[in-house]
């Protein structure tokens, strides 16, 4: 067992990139890095929040603009129908007066 263990220990620095201390630090700090990455994914930064809020407001304003345009078109159509009805009523009244 010792015959296998000693060459393995000697080869370990070569296998670990030449620095055991760096490998140990990487292994020890890995849970912290993973935890901070998970926290970053789970939370929203202020910049992301502002960007999302702006996008939401632009969509809302666009929808309101479309609704206002639709209402204006409907109002215009109602006014045109009313004018046409009034015009027809005047014609009918003149026709009735001439009889």
Protein backbone atom coordinates (compact mmCIF):
# COMPACT_ATOMS: atom_id res chain seq x y z
CA UNK A 1 0.00 0.00 0.00
CA UNK A 2 2.87 2.31 0.85
CA UNK A 3 4.45 1.68 -2.50
CA UNK A 4 1.38 3.04 -4.27
CA UNK A 5 0.73 5.90 -1.85
CA UNK A 6 4.19 7.52 -2.03
CA UNK A 7 4.25 7.94 -5.85
CA UNK A 8 0.68 9.20 -5.70
CA UNK A 9 1.61 11.85 -3.13
CA UNK A 10 4.66 12.84 -5.18
CA UNK A 11 2.55 13.09 -8.37
CA UNK A 12 -0.24 15.04 -6.68
CA UNK A 13 1.36 18.49 -7.20
CA UNK A 14 1.83 17.72 -10.89
CA UNK A 15 -1.76 16.55 -11.26
CA UNK A 16 -3.18 19.52 -9.39
CA UNK A 17 -1.65 22.14 -11.65
CA UNK A 18 1.49 22.57 -9.63
CA UNK A 19 -0.02 24.20 -6.57
CA UNK A 20 -1.72 22.21 -3.88
CA UNK A 21 -2.52 25.35 -1.90
CA UNK A 22 -4.44 26.84 -4.84
CA UNK A 23 -6.38 23.61 -5.28
CA UNK A 24 -7.23 23.54 -1.60
CA UNK A 25 -8.36 27.19 -1.72
CA UNK A 26 -10.47 26.46 -4.79
CA UNK A 27 -12.10 23.47 -3.08
CA UNK A 28 -12.75 25.44 0.11
CA UNK A 29 -14.17 28.51 -1.65
CA UNK A 30 -16.33 26.52 -4.07
CA UNK A 31 -19.38 26.35 -1.76
CA UNK A 32 -19.18 30.12 -1.22
CA UNK A 33 -19.01 30.77 -4.95
CA UNK A 34 -21.91 28.42 -5.62
CA UNK A 35 -23.95 30.04 -2.85
CA UNK A 36 -23.28 33.56 -4.10
CA UNK A 37 -24.17 32.56 -7.66
CA UNK A 38 -27.42 31.01 -6.46
CA UNK A 39 -28.20 34.18 -4.49
CA UNK A 40 -27.45 36.26 -7.59
CA UNK A 41 -29.83 34.16 -9.68
CA UNK A 42 -32.53 34.29 -7.00
CA UNK A 43 -32.43 38.07 -6.49
CA UNK A 44 -33.02 40.98 -8.83
CA UNK A 45 -30.57 43.84 -8.98
CA UNK A 46 -31.75 47.45 -8.94
CA UNK A 47 -30.75 47.81 -12.60
CA UNK A 48 -32.78 44.75 -13.57
CA UNK A 49 -35.70 46.00 -11.52
CA UNK A 50 -35.57 49.42 -13.20
CA UNK A 51 -35.31 47.85 -16.65
CA UNK A 52 -38.28 45.55 -15.99
CA UNK A 53 -40.33 48.42 -14.56
CA UNK A 54 -39.58 50.56 -17.61
CA UNK A 55 -40.54 47.76 -19.96
CA UNK A 56 -43.79 47.20 -18.05
CA UNK A 57 -44.62 50.92 -18.15
CA UNK A 58 -43.96 51.14 -21.92
CA UNK A 59 -46.27 48.16 -22.52
CA UNK A 60 -48.94 49.73 -20.31
CA UNK A 61 -48.63 53.10 -22.08
CA UNK A 62 -48.82 51.39 -25.47
CA UNK A 63 -51.98 49.54 -24.44
CA UNK A 64 -53.50 52.77 -23.10
CA UNK A 65 -52.59 54.55 -26.34
CA UNK A 66 -54.27 51.84 -28.41
CA UNK A 67 -57.37 52.02 -26.21
CA UNK A 68 -57.53 55.82 -26.52
CA UNK A 69 -57.14 55.57 -30.29
CA UNK A 70 -59.91 52.97 -30.47
CA UNK A 71 -62.19 55.14 -28.36
CA UNK A 72 -61.44 58.19 -30.51
CA UNK A 73 -62.25 56.21 -33.67
CA UNK A 74 -65.52 54.99 -32.12
CA UNK A 75 -66.42 58.54 -31.07
CA UNK A 76 -65.64 59.80 -34.56
CA UNK A 77 -67.83 57.07 -36.06
CA UNK A 78 -70.68 57.92 -33.65
CA UNK A 79 -70.40 61.62 -34.56
CA UNK A 80 -70.47 60.78 -38.27
CA UNK A 81 -73.54 58.58 -37.76
CA UNK A 82 -75.25 61.32 -35.75
CA UNK A 83 -74.53 63.92 -38.45
CA UNK A 84 -75.85 61.55 -41.11
CA UNK A 85 -78.99 60.92 -39.05
CA UNK A 86 -79.52 64.66 -38.52
CA UNK A 87 -79.03 65.27 -42.23
CA UNK A 88 -81.58 62.58 -43.09
CA UNK A 89 -84.01 64.00 -40.50
CA UNK A 90 -83.73 67.48 -42.05
CA UNK A 91 -84.34 66.03 -45.52
CA UNK A 92 -87.36 64.10 -44.26
CA UNK A 93 -88.73 67.19 -42.50
CA UNK A 94 -88.36 69.32 -45.66
CA UNK A 95 -90.01 66.60 -47.70
CA UNK A 96 -92.88 66.38 -45.22
CA UNK A 97 -93.27 70.18 -45.16
CA UNK A 98 -93.50 70.27 -48.96
CA UNK A 99 -96.38 67.81 -49.01
